Structures are given as C-alpha cells and as structure tokens.
Amino acid sequence: MQNYDTNIENTRVAQDNNINPYINQNTANNTAEKDENKGPLAGFSQGDFVKGALIGAAVTFLLTNKGAQDGIIKAASKGSELFQAGMEEIKERYEDAKAQMEASKE
C-alpha cells in the first residue's frame, strides 16, 4: 500500500509572489482610485451613467411626445414609400435586362 502526501503545499512548486498577477498589484494605484470614488455620488460622474441617462431621456421623450411620434411615423412611412419605389425600379431594370438578353439571342 502506498502512502500519499495529503499536504497540498508539498506538491506546489515554490514561486515568487511577485509573479502572481493577483498578489502585490500596484496598491498605490488601487488606493488612489478608491479615494476618488468615495462619496454618495461617486458612480454618477462616470461616462456610462451619463450616456445611459441621456438615452433614457431621449426614449422617454419619443414615447411620450405626440409630435415626436407623428414625426417618426411620417418618416417611417416616407422611407417605406421610397423603398417600394426602389424595388419597382429594380424590377423594371431586371425586365429590361431580360428583354435585351432575349433580343440578343434572336
């Protein structure tokens, strides 16, 4: 019967703690960042919050303003009409090209 060493520290290779990226990180930088983020409004000065607040305000305005809704619907309708006109033009060009190919065969 073989005896096993149950102490995990004996199985690890001796390493320098400075190699481990999670130990001895630049603590001066980390503490400076922590000092700046203290206070009740610390998270509100970040750019992501400001962007989110502006996007939320714009969406709220669009969903609650009757004039804005009408403008969006008119723009979508106009875009739909332009798309349909473009598709008709493509169909006409396809038919013209098809007719030219048939005429060149004869």
N, C-alpha and C. Protein backbone atom coordinates (compact mmCIF):
# COMPACT_ATOMS: atom_id res chain seq x y z
N MET A 1 0.84 -1.17 0.00
CA MET A 1 0.00 0.00 0.00
C MET A 1 0.89 1.24 0.00
N GLN A 2 0.53 2.22 -0.85
CA GLN A 2 1.35 3.41 -1.00
C GLN A 2 0.78 4.55 -0.16
N ASN A 3 1.65 5.25 0.52
CA ASN A 3 1.22 6.39 1.33
C ASN A 3 1.29 7.66 0.49
N TYR A 4 0.25 8.43 0.53
CA TYR A 4 0.17 9.68 -0.22
C TYR A 4 0.36 10.85 0.74
N ASP A 5 1.03 11.87 0.20
CA ASP A 5 1.21 13.09 0.98
C ASP A 5 -0.04 13.94 0.79
N THR A 6 -0.79 14.19 1.83
CA THR A 6 -2.04 14.94 1.74
C THR A 6 -1.85 16.44 1.91
N ASN A 7 -0.63 16.87 2.15
CA ASN A 7 -0.37 18.30 2.30
C ASN A 7 -0.16 18.91 0.91
N ILE A 8 -1.10 19.73 0.50
CA ILE A 8 -1.04 20.28 -0.86
C ILE A 8 0.15 21.21 -1.04
N GLU A 9 0.62 21.85 0.02
CA GLU A 9 1.76 22.76 -0.09
C GLU A 9 3.02 22.01 -0.53
N ASN A 10 3.12 20.74 -0.26
CA ASN A 10 4.29 19.97 -0.69
C ASN A 10 4.26 19.66 -2.18
N THR A 11 3.11 19.77 -2.81
CA THR A 11 3.00 19.45 -4.23
C THR A 11 3.19 20.67 -5.12
N ARG A 12 3.15 21.84 -4.54
CA ARG A 12 3.28 23.07 -5.33
C ARG A 12 4.74 23.42 -5.54
N VAL A 13 5.00 23.98 -6.68
CA VAL A 13 6.34 24.44 -6.98
C VAL A 13 6.52 25.78 -6.28
N ALA A 14 7.68 25.97 -5.69
CA ALA A 14 7.94 27.23 -5.00
C ALA A 14 7.99 28.36 -6.02
N GLN A 15 7.20 29.41 -5.77
CA GLN A 15 7.13 30.52 -6.70
C GLN A 15 7.39 31.83 -5.96
N ASP A 16 7.83 32.78 -6.72
CA ASP A 16 7.99 34.12 -6.20
C ASP A 16 6.62 34.79 -6.23
N ASN A 17 6.20 35.39 -5.12
CA ASN A 17 4.88 36.02 -5.06
C ASN A 17 4.74 37.19 -6.01
N ASN A 18 5.84 37.77 -6.47
CA ASN A 18 5.76 38.90 -7.38
C ASN A 18 5.33 38.47 -8.79
N ILE A 19 5.39 37.18 -9.10
CA ILE A 19 5.00 36.69 -10.41
C ILE A 19 3.48 36.60 -10.51
N ASN A 20 2.83 36.29 -9.42
CA ASN A 20 1.38 36.14 -9.42
C ASN A 20 0.72 37.50 -9.68
N PRO A 21 -0.11 37.59 -10.72
CA PRO A 21 -0.71 38.89 -11.05
C PRO A 21 -1.74 39.35 -10.03
N TYR A 22 -2.20 38.44 -9.16
CA TYR A 22 -3.23 38.80 -8.20
C TYR A 22 -2.66 39.22 -6.84
N ILE A 23 -1.37 39.04 -6.69
CA ILE A 23 -0.72 39.41 -5.43
C ILE A 23 0.24 40.56 -5.71
N ASN A 24 0.31 41.50 -4.81
CA ASN A 24 1.22 42.64 -4.89
C ASN A 24 0.98 43.48 -6.14
N GLN A 25 -0.26 43.68 -6.49
CA GLN A 25 -0.53 44.58 -7.60
C GLN A 25 -0.23 45.99 -7.14
N ASN A 26 -0.22 46.91 -8.07
CA ASN A 26 0.11 48.29 -7.73
C ASN A 26 -0.92 48.82 -6.74
N THR A 27 -0.62 48.68 -5.48
CA THR A 27 -1.57 49.09 -4.46
C THR A 27 -1.70 50.60 -4.40
N ALA A 28 -0.68 51.32 -4.79
CA ALA A 28 -0.77 52.78 -4.78
C ALA A 28 -1.83 53.25 -5.78
N ASN A 29 -1.86 52.63 -6.96
CA ASN A 29 -2.87 53.00 -7.95
C ASN A 29 -4.26 52.62 -7.49
N ASN A 30 -4.39 51.45 -6.89
CA ASN A 30 -5.70 51.00 -6.45
C ASN A 30 -6.25 51.89 -5.35
N THR A 31 -5.43 52.30 -4.42
CA THR A 31 -5.93 53.14 -3.33
C THR A 31 -6.28 54.52 -3.85
N ALA A 32 -5.55 55.03 -4.84
CA ALA A 32 -5.88 56.34 -5.40
C ALA A 32 -7.24 56.30 -6.09
N GLU A 33 -7.51 55.22 -6.81
CA GLU A 33 -8.80 55.08 -7.47
C GLU A 33 -9.93 54.96 -6.46
N LYS A 34 -9.68 54.24 -5.38
CA LYS A 34 -10.70 54.08 -4.36
C LYS A 34 -11.01 55.40 -3.67
N ASP A 35 -9.99 56.22 -3.44
CA ASP A 35 -10.21 57.51 -2.80
C ASP A 35 -11.06 58.42 -3.68
N GLU A 36 -10.85 58.37 -5.00
CA GLU A 36 -11.63 59.22 -5.90
C GLU A 36 -13.09 58.80 -5.95
N ASN A 37 -13.37 57.52 -5.78
CA ASN A 37 -14.72 57.00 -5.94
C ASN A 37 -15.51 57.00 -4.63
N LYS A 38 -15.02 57.65 -3.60
CA LYS A 38 -15.76 57.69 -2.34
C LYS A 38 -16.79 58.79 -2.39
N GLY A 39 -17.85 58.60 -1.64
CA GLY A 39 -18.88 59.62 -1.56
C GLY A 39 -20.20 59.10 -2.08
N PRO A 40 -21.28 59.80 -1.76
CA PRO A 40 -22.60 59.31 -2.15
C PRO A 40 -22.88 59.39 -3.64
N LEU A 41 -22.20 60.26 -4.37
CA LEU A 41 -22.44 60.42 -5.80
C LEU A 41 -21.26 59.93 -6.63
N ALA A 42 -20.47 59.01 -6.11
CA ALA A 42 -19.24 58.59 -6.78
C ALA A 42 -19.51 57.95 -8.13
N GLY A 43 -20.52 57.11 -8.27
CA GLY A 43 -20.77 56.41 -9.52
C GLY A 43 -21.44 57.25 -10.58
N PHE A 44 -22.00 58.40 -10.19
CA PHE A 44 -22.76 59.21 -11.13
C PHE A 44 -21.88 60.09 -12.02
N SER A 45 -20.60 60.17 -11.72
CA SER A 45 -19.72 61.01 -12.54
C SER A 45 -19.10 60.23 -13.69
N GLN A 46 -19.38 58.97 -13.77
CA GLN A 46 -18.79 58.15 -14.83
C GLN A 46 -19.56 58.33 -16.13
N GLY A 47 -18.85 58.18 -17.26
CA GLY A 47 -19.44 58.42 -18.57
C GLY A 47 -20.57 57.48 -18.91
N ASP A 48 -20.51 56.22 -18.49
CA ASP A 48 -21.56 55.27 -18.83
C ASP A 48 -22.90 55.68 -18.23
N PHE A 49 -22.87 56.19 -17.02
CA PHE A 49 -24.12 56.63 -16.40
C PHE A 49 -24.72 57.80 -17.17
N VAL A 50 -23.87 58.74 -17.56
CA VAL A 50 -24.35 59.92 -18.28
C VAL A 50 -24.94 59.51 -19.62
N LYS A 51 -24.26 58.61 -20.34
CA LYS A 51 -24.79 58.13 -21.62
C LYS A 51 -26.13 57.43 -21.43
N GLY A 52 -26.22 56.60 -20.42
CA GLY A 52 -27.47 55.89 -20.15
C GLY A 52 -28.60 56.84 -19.80
N ALA A 53 -28.29 57.87 -19.03
CA ALA A 53 -29.32 58.84 -18.65
C ALA A 53 -29.81 59.61 -19.88
N LEU A 54 -28.89 59.98 -20.76
CA LEU A 54 -29.28 60.72 -21.97
C LEU A 54 -30.12 59.85 -22.90
N ILE A 55 -29.73 58.61 -23.07
CA ILE A 55 -30.51 57.70 -23.92
C ILE A 55 -31.89 57.47 -23.33
N GLY A 56 -31.95 57.28 -22.02
CA GLY A 56 -33.24 57.09 -21.35
C GLY A 56 -34.14 58.30 -21.51
N ALA A 57 -33.56 59.49 -21.39
CA ALA A 57 -34.35 60.71 -21.56
C ALA A 57 -34.87 60.84 -22.99
N ALA A 58 -34.04 60.50 -23.97
CA ALA A 58 -34.46 60.59 -25.37
C ALA A 58 -35.59 59.60 -25.66
N VAL A 59 -35.47 58.38 -25.17
CA VAL A 59 -36.51 57.37 -25.40
C VAL A 59 -37.81 57.80 -24.72
N THR A 60 -37.70 58.31 -23.50
CA THR A 60 -38.90 58.77 -22.79
C THR A 60 -39.58 59.90 -23.56
N PHE A 61 -38.79 60.83 -24.07
CA PHE A 61 -39.34 61.94 -24.86
C PHE A 61 -40.08 61.41 -26.08
N LEU A 62 -39.45 60.47 -26.79
CA LEU A 62 -40.07 59.94 -28.01
C LEU A 62 -41.35 59.16 -27.71
N LEU A 63 -41.37 58.46 -26.60
CA LEU A 63 -42.55 57.65 -26.28
C LEU A 63 -43.70 58.47 -25.71
N THR A 64 -43.42 59.66 -25.19
CA THR A 64 -44.48 60.43 -24.55
C THR A 64 -44.88 61.68 -25.32
N ASN A 65 -44.15 62.08 -26.32
CA ASN A 65 -44.44 63.31 -27.05
C ASN A 65 -45.21 62.98 -28.33
N LYS A 66 -46.41 63.47 -28.42
CA LYS A 66 -47.28 63.18 -29.58
C LYS A 66 -46.67 63.70 -30.89
N GLY A 67 -46.10 64.91 -30.86
CA GLY A 67 -45.50 65.47 -32.07
C GLY A 67 -44.31 64.66 -32.54
N ALA A 68 -43.49 64.18 -31.60
CA ALA A 68 -42.34 63.35 -31.96
C ALA A 68 -42.79 62.03 -32.56
N GLN A 69 -43.84 61.46 -31.98
CA GLN A 69 -44.37 60.20 -32.51
C GLN A 69 -44.88 60.38 -33.92
N ASP A 70 -45.60 61.47 -34.16
CA ASP A 70 -46.11 61.73 -35.52
C ASP A 70 -44.95 61.89 -36.50
N GLY A 71 -43.92 62.60 -36.10
CA GLY A 71 -42.76 62.79 -36.97
C GLY A 71 -42.07 61.47 -37.30
N ILE A 72 -41.94 60.62 -36.31
CA ILE A 72 -41.30 59.31 -36.54
C ILE A 72 -42.15 58.47 -37.48
N ILE A 73 -43.47 58.48 -37.30
CA ILE A 73 -44.36 57.69 -38.15
C ILE A 73 -44.31 58.21 -39.59
N LYS A 74 -44.31 59.54 -39.75
CA LYS A 74 -44.22 60.11 -41.10
C LYS A 74 -42.90 59.75 -41.77
N ALA A 75 -41.82 59.81 -41.01
CA ALA A 75 -40.51 59.46 -41.58
C ALA A 75 -40.47 57.99 -41.98
N ALA A 76 -41.03 57.12 -41.14
CA ALA A 76 -41.06 55.69 -41.47
C ALA A 76 -41.92 55.44 -42.70
N SER A 77 -43.04 56.15 -42.81
CA SER A 77 -43.92 55.99 -43.96
C SER A 77 -43.21 56.44 -45.24
N LYS A 78 -42.52 57.58 -45.17
CA LYS A 78 -41.79 58.09 -46.33
C LYS A 78 -40.68 57.10 -46.72
N GLY A 79 -39.98 56.58 -45.72
CA GLY A 79 -38.94 55.59 -46.01
C GLY A 79 -39.49 54.34 -46.66
N SER A 80 -40.66 53.92 -46.22
CA SER A 80 -41.32 52.75 -46.81
C SER A 80 -41.69 53.01 -48.26
N GLU A 81 -42.20 54.22 -48.52
CA GLU A 81 -42.56 54.57 -49.90
C GLU A 81 -41.32 54.59 -50.80
N LEU A 82 -40.24 55.16 -50.30
CA LEU A 82 -39.00 55.20 -51.09
C LEU A 82 -38.47 53.80 -51.35
N PHE A 83 -38.59 52.93 -50.35
CA PHE A 83 -38.13 51.55 -50.52
C PHE A 83 -38.95 50.84 -51.59
N GLN A 84 -40.26 51.02 -51.54
CA GLN A 84 -41.13 50.38 -52.53
C GLN A 84 -40.85 50.92 -53.93
N ALA A 85 -40.61 52.23 -54.05
CA ALA A 85 -40.29 52.81 -55.35
C ALA A 85 -38.96 52.25 -55.87
N GLY A 86 -38.01 52.08 -54.98
CA GLY A 86 -36.72 51.49 -55.37
C GLY A 86 -36.88 50.06 -55.84
N MET A 87 -37.73 49.31 -55.18
CA MET A 87 -37.96 47.92 -55.59
C MET A 87 -38.62 47.88 -56.97
N GLU A 88 -39.55 48.77 -57.23
CA GLU A 88 -40.19 48.82 -58.54
C GLU A 88 -39.16 49.14 -59.63
N GLU A 89 -38.25 50.08 -59.32
CA GLU A 89 -37.20 50.44 -60.29
C GLU A 89 -36.30 49.24 -60.57
N ILE A 90 -35.96 48.49 -59.53
CA ILE A 90 -35.12 47.30 -59.72
C ILE A 90 -35.85 46.27 -60.58
N LYS A 91 -37.14 46.09 -60.35
CA LYS A 91 -37.92 45.15 -61.16
C LYS A 91 -37.93 45.57 -62.62
N GLU A 92 -38.10 46.88 -62.87
CA GLU A 92 -38.10 47.36 -64.25
C GLU A 92 -36.75 47.12 -64.93
N ARG A 93 -35.68 47.39 -64.21
CA ARG A 93 -34.35 47.16 -64.78
C ARG A 93 -34.12 45.68 -65.07
N TYR A 94 -34.61 44.82 -64.18
CA TYR A 94 -34.48 43.38 -64.40
C TYR A 94 -35.23 42.96 -65.67
N GLU A 95 -36.45 43.47 -65.82
CA GLU A 95 -37.24 43.13 -67.01
C GLU A 95 -36.57 43.67 -68.28
N ASP A 96 -36.00 44.89 -68.22
CA ASP A 96 -35.29 45.45 -69.37
C ASP A 96 -34.08 44.59 -69.74
N ALA A 97 -33.33 44.17 -68.73
CA ALA A 97 -32.14 43.35 -68.99
C ALA A 97 -32.56 42.00 -69.57
N LYS A 98 -33.64 41.45 -69.05
CA LYS A 98 -34.15 40.17 -69.56
C LYS A 98 -34.58 40.30 -71.01
N ALA A 99 -35.27 41.41 -71.34
CA ALA A 99 -35.72 41.62 -72.71
C ALA A 99 -34.52 41.80 -73.65
N GLN A 100 -33.49 42.50 -73.22
CA GLN A 100 -32.30 42.68 -74.04
C GLN A 100 -31.59 41.36 -74.29
N MET A 101 -31.53 40.50 -73.27
CA MET A 101 -30.89 39.20 -73.45
C MET A 101 -31.68 38.36 -74.47
N GLU A 102 -32.99 38.41 -74.39
CA GLU A 102 -33.82 37.63 -75.34
C GLU A 102 -33.69 38.19 -76.74
N ALA A 103 -33.57 39.52 -76.85
CA ALA A 103 -33.42 40.14 -78.17
C ALA A 103 -32.05 39.82 -78.77
N SER A 104 -31.03 39.72 -77.96
CA SER A 104 -29.71 39.41 -78.49
C SER A 104 -29.58 37.94 -78.89
N LYS A 105 -30.41 37.07 -78.38
CA LYS A 105 -30.39 35.66 -78.75
C LYS A 105 -30.95 35.47 -80.16
N GLU A 106 -31.86 36.33 -80.57
CA GLU A 106 -32.53 36.15 -81.87
C GLU A 106 -31.71 36.63 -83.00
